[in-house]
Amino acid sequence: MSTNIIQIARRGARAQTSQHRSVVARAVTRRDLGFAGVSCMVTVVLSGVLGGSVGAAQAQEVIMAPQGDVPPIPVQRPIRKVFVAGATGQTGRRIVLELRAQGYDVVAGCRDEQKGLSLGLGRDPKVSVVQADVTSSPETIAEVIRGCDAIICATGFRPLDSKNSSTKVDLEGTLHLVEAAKMVDIDRFVLVTSLLTNGRALGQEKNPNFSFLNSGFFGAILDKKHEAEEYLVASGLNYTIVRPGGLSNEATGTLGAVRFFPADALLGLDSEPGREISRDDVAAVCVEALENSRADKKTVEIVDVAGEAPLEKRQWF
């Protein structure tokens, strides 16, 4: 791990410790919680008090049954506002649209705010277009994402970009975003990477898909994305890593129905059920992951499979 990354982690740890210094707890009672009208105790733990106000991102309810045979049920804070990193990208724009279709407020993070506005992202009053460069410091990013309930990261460096390499965008940029999330108590993080992200560990260096995507032209991007995945998994955040196949601009259903596979199951081979996926399907999967408990702390690989019937969302993940 580079010195820069270690410094990022240390800064994030200090910030998190500071934010959790003050803890306020209060107990209230609630009736009719499914226990035949018996009064139950609801303990609400509120942490992250900043400037005299409770950090809402840390609010959590734990419902305690009066008997000892039912375990506590954690009730997650509802997700209302989502930050999208890479909102001007082809996948990022679709994620913004899908979030709005599902009723979420959106903060669209753009390296170039004017580009985001020119693409029409700001026409919806529930979409805030903001300048957000993941290659900047975690502290700078934290101020932009403060007040959001979740993050979807769909960033990716562009070949021939002389200012930003895959190391800066896909590795360090994701690390900065993870540390910023910790600073402002955002726990839910969805990351879009790629099939074969773990290709080197799987012995796939000679796989033409891996060797092409991980070539010098693309800045060894799969290796960088894999490091970013590992950092997110180790961060303690509630993550979902989405590894799509080859991204297509075809509409949902054109290539088939989306199918889910466990991590490292797909290698992009002709013999597999599918190799491509609609960007619209990727966007739908990312948004569904936000509040589908089956997606918690999970890495999934997704492709569209021709001839298959669509799955209901309750069957996803």
Protein backbone atom coordinates (compact mmCIF):
# COMPACT_ATOMS: atom_id res chain seq x y z
CA MET A 1 0.00 0.00 0.00
CA SER A 2 1.45 3.41 -0.94
CA THR A 3 2.30 6.09 1.63
CA ASN A 4 -0.45 8.26 0.15
CA ILE A 5 -3.08 5.60 0.79
CA ILE A 6 -1.87 5.03 4.33
CA GLN A 7 -2.15 8.76 5.01
CA ILE A 8 -5.69 8.76 3.65
CA ALA A 9 -6.67 5.92 5.97
CA ARG A 10 -5.13 7.62 9.00
CA ARG A 11 -6.91 10.89 8.30
CA GLY A 12 -10.19 9.07 7.93
CA ALA A 13 -9.67 7.18 11.19
CA ARG A 14 -8.96 10.42 13.09
CA ALA A 15 -12.04 12.09 11.65
CA GLN A 16 -14.23 9.14 12.49
CA THR A 17 -12.95 9.04 16.07
CA SER A 18 -13.71 12.73 16.51
CA GLN A 19 -17.22 12.37 15.14
CA HIS A 20 -18.06 9.51 17.47
CA ARG A 21 -16.85 11.24 20.63
CA SER A 22 -20.34 12.27 21.68
CA VAL A 23 -23.07 9.69 21.98
CA VAL A 24 -26.62 10.43 23.02
CA ALA A 25 -29.00 7.64 23.92
CA ARG A 26 -32.66 7.84 24.77
CA ALA A 27 -35.33 5.24 25.24
CA VAL A 28 -38.95 5.47 24.16
CA THR A 29 -41.78 3.00 24.23
CA ARG A 30 -43.83 1.90 21.25
CA ARG A 31 -46.93 -0.26 21.15
CA ASP A 32 -48.24 -2.65 18.55
CA LEU A 33 -44.95 -3.82 17.06
CA GLY A 34 -46.18 -7.23 16.10
CA PHE A 35 -46.04 -8.69 19.59
CA ALA A 36 -49.83 -8.92 20.14
CA GLY A 37 -50.06 -5.37 21.43
CA VAL A 38 -47.44 -5.85 24.17
CA SER A 39 -45.42 -2.75 24.93
CA CYS A 40 -41.83 -3.04 23.71
CA MET A 41 -38.84 -0.89 24.37
CA VAL A 42 -37.30 0.89 21.39
CA THR A 43 -33.80 2.09 22.07
CA VAL A 44 -32.69 4.84 19.76
CA VAL A 45 -28.96 5.37 19.64
CA LEU A 46 -27.91 8.64 18.09
CA SER A 47 -24.22 9.28 17.54
CA GLY A 48 -22.08 11.82 15.75
CA VAL A 49 -23.26 14.98 17.52
CA LEU A 50 -21.83 17.91 15.61
CA GLY A 51 -22.40 21.52 16.61
CA GLY A 52 -25.08 20.56 19.12
CA SER A 53 -27.20 18.57 16.65
CA VAL A 54 -27.38 14.82 16.27
CA GLY A 55 -25.85 13.35 13.09
CA ALA A 56 -28.90 11.78 11.47
CA ALA A 57 -26.77 9.38 9.47
CA GLN A 58 -26.01 7.49 12.67
CA ALA A 59 -29.59 7.15 13.87
CA GLN A 60 -30.53 3.52 14.35
CA GLU A 61 -33.42 1.83 16.11
CA VAL A 62 -33.18 -1.52 17.80
CA ILE A 63 -36.52 -3.10 18.66
CA MET A 64 -36.30 -5.23 21.78
CA ALA A 65 -38.85 -7.97 22.29
CA PRO A 66 -40.12 -8.42 25.87
CA GLN A 67 -39.19 -12.09 25.76
CA GLY A 68 -35.63 -13.31 25.40
CA ASP A 69 -36.37 -15.67 22.53
CA VAL A 70 -36.54 -12.97 19.81
CA PRO A 71 -33.24 -11.24 18.86
CA PRO A 72 -33.01 -7.44 18.41
CA ILE A 73 -34.09 -6.27 14.95
CA PRO A 74 -31.94 -3.45 13.53
CA VAL A 75 -34.02 -0.89 11.64
CA GLN A 76 -31.87 1.00 9.16
CA ARG A 77 -32.23 4.72 8.64
CA PRO A 78 -34.22 5.24 5.44
CA ILE A 79 -32.27 6.28 2.36
CA ARG A 80 -33.67 9.45 0.82
CA LYS A 81 -30.76 11.27 -0.80
CA VAL A 82 -28.03 9.55 -2.83
CA PHE A 83 -24.70 10.91 -4.06
CA VAL A 84 -23.66 9.64 -7.49
CA ALA A 85 -19.95 9.87 -8.30
CA GLY A 86 -19.29 9.98 -12.02
CA ALA A 87 -22.76 11.33 -12.83
CA THR A 88 -21.78 12.62 -16.28
CA GLY A 89 -20.65 9.19 -17.49
CA GLN A 90 -22.92 7.05 -19.62
CA THR A 91 -23.66 4.69 -16.73
CA GLY A 92 -23.69 7.45 -14.13
CA ARG A 93 -26.35 9.42 -16.02
CA ARG A 94 -28.57 6.36 -16.14
CA ILE A 95 -28.11 5.82 -12.41
CA VAL A 96 -29.29 9.38 -11.77
CA LEU A 97 -32.40 8.78 -13.91
CA GLU A 98 -33.13 5.46 -12.20
CA LEU A 99 -32.78 7.00 -8.76
CA ARG A 100 -35.29 9.68 -9.65
CA ALA A 101 -37.65 7.09 -11.14
CA GLN A 102 -37.56 5.31 -7.77
CA GLY A 103 -38.24 8.53 -5.85
CA TYR A 104 -34.80 9.33 -4.45
CA ASP A 105 -33.31 12.81 -4.25
CA VAL A 106 -29.95 12.93 -6.02
CA VAL A 107 -26.70 14.82 -5.66
CA ALA A 108 -24.99 14.39 -9.04
CA GLY A 109 -21.23 14.60 -8.59
CA CYS A 110 -19.42 15.88 -11.68
CA ARG A 111 -15.77 16.70 -12.18
CA ASP A 112 -17.03 19.38 -14.57
CA GLU A 113 -20.21 20.91 -13.15
CA GLN A 114 -20.98 22.74 -16.41
CA LYS A 115 -20.89 19.46 -18.31
CA GLY A 116 -23.44 18.02 -15.91
CA LEU A 117 -25.72 20.99 -16.47
CA SER A 118 -25.27 20.83 -20.25
CA LEU A 119 -26.37 17.18 -20.16
CA GLY A 120 -29.60 18.24 -18.49
CA LEU A 121 -28.93 16.70 -15.09
CA GLY A 122 -30.12 19.86 -13.35
CA ARG A 123 -33.51 20.09 -15.05
CA ASP A 124 -35.07 17.96 -12.34
CA PRO A 125 -35.51 20.03 -9.16
CA LYS A 126 -34.74 16.94 -7.10
CA VAL A 127 -31.27 16.62 -8.69
CA SER A 128 -28.49 18.86 -7.38
CA VAL A 129 -25.54 19.11 -9.76
CA VAL A 130 -22.31 19.71 -7.85
CA GLN A 131 -18.62 19.92 -8.66
CA ALA A 132 -17.04 16.83 -7.13
CA ASP A 133 -13.62 15.55 -8.16
CA VAL A 134 -12.76 12.24 -6.49
CA THR A 135 -9.07 12.93 -7.03
CA SER A 136 -9.29 15.81 -4.53
CA SER A 137 -8.85 15.26 -0.80
CA PRO A 138 -11.31 13.21 1.29
CA GLU A 139 -11.99 16.32 3.37
CA THR A 140 -13.05 18.26 0.27
CA ILE A 141 -15.30 15.44 -0.92
CA ALA A 142 -16.82 15.07 2.57
CA GLU A 143 -18.22 18.59 2.40
CA VAL A 144 -19.90 17.83 -0.93
CA ILE A 145 -21.54 14.58 0.18
CA ARG A 146 -22.57 15.74 3.66
CA GLY A 147 -26.31 15.21 4.12
CA CYS A 148 -26.54 12.26 1.74
CA ASP A 149 -27.64 8.83 2.94
CA ALA A 150 -25.78 6.62 0.44
CA ILE A 151 -23.18 6.69 -2.34
CA ILE A 152 -23.13 5.05 -5.75
CA CYS A 153 -19.71 5.25 -7.39
CA ALA A 154 -19.66 4.89 -11.19
CA THR A 155 -16.40 6.67 -11.91
CA GLY A 156 -13.80 5.57 -14.42
CA PHE A 157 -10.75 7.20 -15.96
CA ARG A 158 -10.66 7.97 -19.66
CA PRO A 159 -7.74 6.71 -21.77
CA LEU A 160 -5.55 9.48 -23.15
CA ASP A 161 -6.56 11.79 -20.29
CA SER A 162 -3.24 13.41 -19.45
CA LYS A 163 -4.45 14.75 -16.10
CA ASN A 164 -6.06 11.70 -14.54
CA SER A 165 -4.73 8.15 -14.62
CA SER A 166 -6.49 4.95 -13.59
CA THR A 167 -4.48 5.09 -10.37
CA LYS A 168 -5.81 8.56 -9.58
CA VAL A 169 -9.44 7.92 -10.54
CA ASP A 170 -10.24 4.22 -10.14
CA LEU A 171 -7.97 3.49 -7.18
CA GLU A 172 -7.18 6.62 -5.17
CA GLY A 173 -10.43 8.34 -6.16
CA THR A 174 -12.48 5.47 -4.78
CA LEU A 175 -10.38 5.40 -1.61
CA HIS A 176 -10.94 9.13 -1.14
CA LEU A 177 -14.68 8.62 -1.51
CA VAL A 178 -14.69 5.77 1.04
CA GLU A 179 -12.82 7.87 3.58
CA ALA A 180 -15.09 10.85 2.94
CA ALA A 181 -18.12 8.62 3.56
CA LYS A 182 -16.72 7.68 6.96
CA MET A 183 -16.13 11.31 7.86
CA VAL A 184 -19.81 12.21 7.39
CA ASP A 185 -21.26 8.91 8.63
CA ILE A 186 -22.55 7.56 5.31
CA ASP A 187 -22.63 3.78 5.66
CA ARG A 188 -24.17 2.59 2.36
CA PHE A 189 -21.76 2.40 -0.58
CA VAL A 190 -22.40 0.82 -4.00
CA LEU A 191 -19.36 0.50 -6.30
CA VAL A 192 -19.44 -0.33 -10.01
CA THR A 193 -16.31 -2.12 -11.27
CA SER A 194 -16.04 -4.82 -13.97
CA LEU A 195 -15.91 -8.50 -14.74
CA LEU A 196 -12.36 -9.90 -14.38
CA THR A 197 -11.47 -7.28 -11.77
CA ASN A 198 -9.89 -10.16 -9.87
CA GLY A 199 -8.54 -11.74 -13.05
CA ARG A 200 -4.89 -11.75 -12.04
CA ALA A 201 -5.58 -13.73 -8.86
CA LEU A 202 -7.64 -16.15 -10.96
CA GLY A 203 -4.72 -16.80 -13.30
CA GLN A 204 -6.41 -15.05 -16.21
CA GLU A 205 -3.48 -12.96 -17.44
CA LYS A 206 -3.67 -14.67 -20.85
CA ASN A 207 -7.43 -14.30 -21.11
CA PRO A 208 -7.84 -11.88 -24.08
CA ASN A 209 -10.50 -9.94 -22.20
CA PHE A 210 -8.24 -9.43 -19.21
CA SER A 211 -5.10 -8.64 -21.22
CA PHE A 212 -6.97 -6.07 -23.34
CA LEU A 213 -8.72 -4.25 -20.48
CA ASN A 214 -5.66 -4.40 -18.24
CA SER A 215 -3.24 -3.23 -20.90
CA GLY A 216 -1.10 -0.14 -20.59
CA PHE A 217 -3.51 1.78 -22.79
CA PHE A 218 -6.17 1.33 -20.11
CA GLY A 219 -3.72 1.91 -17.28
CA ALA A 220 -3.91 -1.61 -15.80
CA ILE A 221 -7.40 -0.57 -14.78
CA LEU A 222 -8.58 -3.98 -13.59
CA ASP A 223 -5.73 -4.18 -11.08
CA LYS A 224 -6.59 -0.70 -9.83
CA LYS A 225 -10.29 -1.51 -9.52
CA HIS A 226 -9.43 -4.68 -7.62
CA GLU A 227 -7.36 -2.74 -5.08
CA ALA A 228 -10.26 -0.32 -4.66
CA GLU A 229 -12.68 -3.21 -4.12
CA GLU A 230 -10.48 -4.68 -1.41
CA TYR A 231 -10.23 -1.32 0.33
CA LEU A 232 -14.00 -0.91 0.34
CA VAL A 233 -14.56 -4.44 1.67
CA ALA A 234 -12.11 -3.78 4.52
CA SER A 235 -13.56 -0.33 5.30
CA GLY A 236 -16.39 -1.50 7.55
CA LEU A 237 -19.01 0.20 5.36
CA ASN A 238 -22.08 -1.67 4.16
CA TYR A 239 -21.02 -2.20 0.56
CA THR A 240 -22.27 -3.77 -2.64
CA ILE A 241 -19.77 -4.27 -5.46
CA VAL A 242 -21.37 -4.62 -8.89
CA ARG A 243 -19.20 -6.16 -11.61
CA PRO A 244 -20.97 -5.83 -14.98
CA GLY A 245 -20.04 -7.46 -18.24
CA GLY A 246 -19.35 -5.43 -21.37
CA LEU A 247 -21.45 -2.27 -21.15
CA SER A 248 -24.01 -1.69 -23.88
CA ASN A 249 -26.19 1.31 -24.66
CA GLU A 250 -29.00 -1.01 -25.78
CA ALA A 251 -32.27 -0.61 -23.89
CA THR A 252 -33.31 -2.98 -21.11
CA GLY A 253 -34.50 -6.31 -22.50
CA THR A 254 -32.74 -5.98 -25.85
CA LEU A 255 -29.85 -8.26 -24.88
CA GLY A 256 -31.89 -10.48 -22.58
CA ALA A 257 -32.70 -10.50 -18.88
CA VAL A 258 -30.24 -9.56 -16.17
CA ARG A 259 -28.76 -12.48 -14.26
CA PHE A 260 -26.65 -12.49 -11.11
CA PHE A 261 -23.55 -14.56 -10.39
CA PRO A 262 -21.18 -14.72 -7.40
CA ALA A 263 -17.78 -13.04 -7.43
CA ASP A 264 -15.21 -14.54 -9.82
CA ALA A 265 -17.78 -16.75 -11.57
CA LEU A 266 -17.59 -15.09 -15.01
CA LEU A 267 -14.54 -14.66 -17.23
CA GLY A 268 -16.14 -13.03 -20.26
CA LEU A 269 -15.94 -16.19 -22.38
CA ASP A 270 -18.19 -17.12 -25.30
CA SER A 271 -19.16 -20.31 -23.51
CA GLU A 272 -20.75 -18.39 -20.62
CA PRO A 273 -24.45 -17.45 -20.38
CA GLY A 274 -23.76 -13.84 -21.37
CA ARG A 275 -20.96 -11.35 -21.89
CA GLU A 276 -22.71 -7.99 -22.16
CA ILE A 277 -25.26 -6.00 -20.22
CA SER A 278 -27.38 -2.93 -20.82
CA ARG A 279 -26.25 0.15 -18.90
CA ASP A 280 -29.91 0.60 -17.98
CA ASP A 281 -29.81 -2.78 -16.24
CA VAL A 282 -26.62 -1.84 -14.40
CA ALA A 283 -28.31 1.34 -13.17
CA ALA A 284 -31.36 -0.60 -11.99
CA VAL A 285 -29.18 -3.10 -10.10
CA CYS A 286 -27.20 -0.32 -8.37
CA VAL A 287 -30.34 1.45 -7.21
CA GLU A 288 -32.02 -1.76 -6.06
CA ALA A 289 -28.89 -2.61 -4.05
CA LEU A 290 -29.36 0.45 -1.84
CA GLU A 291 -32.17 -1.02 0.26
CA ASN A 292 -32.24 -4.70 -0.67
CA SER A 293 -30.72 -6.53 2.31
CA ARG A 294 -29.72 -9.43 0.04
CA ALA A 295 -27.15 -7.07 -1.47
CA ASP A 296 -25.51 -6.12 1.82
CA LYS A 297 -21.75 -6.70 1.92
CA LYS A 298 -21.82 -8.66 -1.30
CA THR A 299 -19.97 -8.71 -4.63
CA VAL A 300 -22.09 -9.70 -7.62
CA GLU A 301 -21.34 -10.18 -11.31
CA ILE A 302 -24.10 -9.36 -13.78
CA VAL A 303 -24.75 -9.96 -17.47
CA ASP A 304 -27.81 -10.04 -19.68
CA VAL A 305 -28.78 -13.55 -20.78
CA ALA A 306 -30.69 -13.96 -24.04
CA GLY A 307 -33.92 -15.94 -23.99
CA GLU A 308 -34.36 -15.68 -20.23
CA ALA A 309 -37.46 -14.23 -18.59
CA PRO A 310 -36.96 -11.16 -16.39
CA LEU A 311 -36.63 -11.82 -12.66
CA GLU A 312 -38.71 -9.97 -10.10
CA LYS A 313 -36.52 -7.62 -8.08
CA ARG A 314 -37.19 -9.62 -4.92
CA GLN A 315 -35.21 -12.41 -6.63
CA TRP A 316 -32.20 -10.21 -7.34
CA PHE A 317 -28.88 -10.67 -5.55
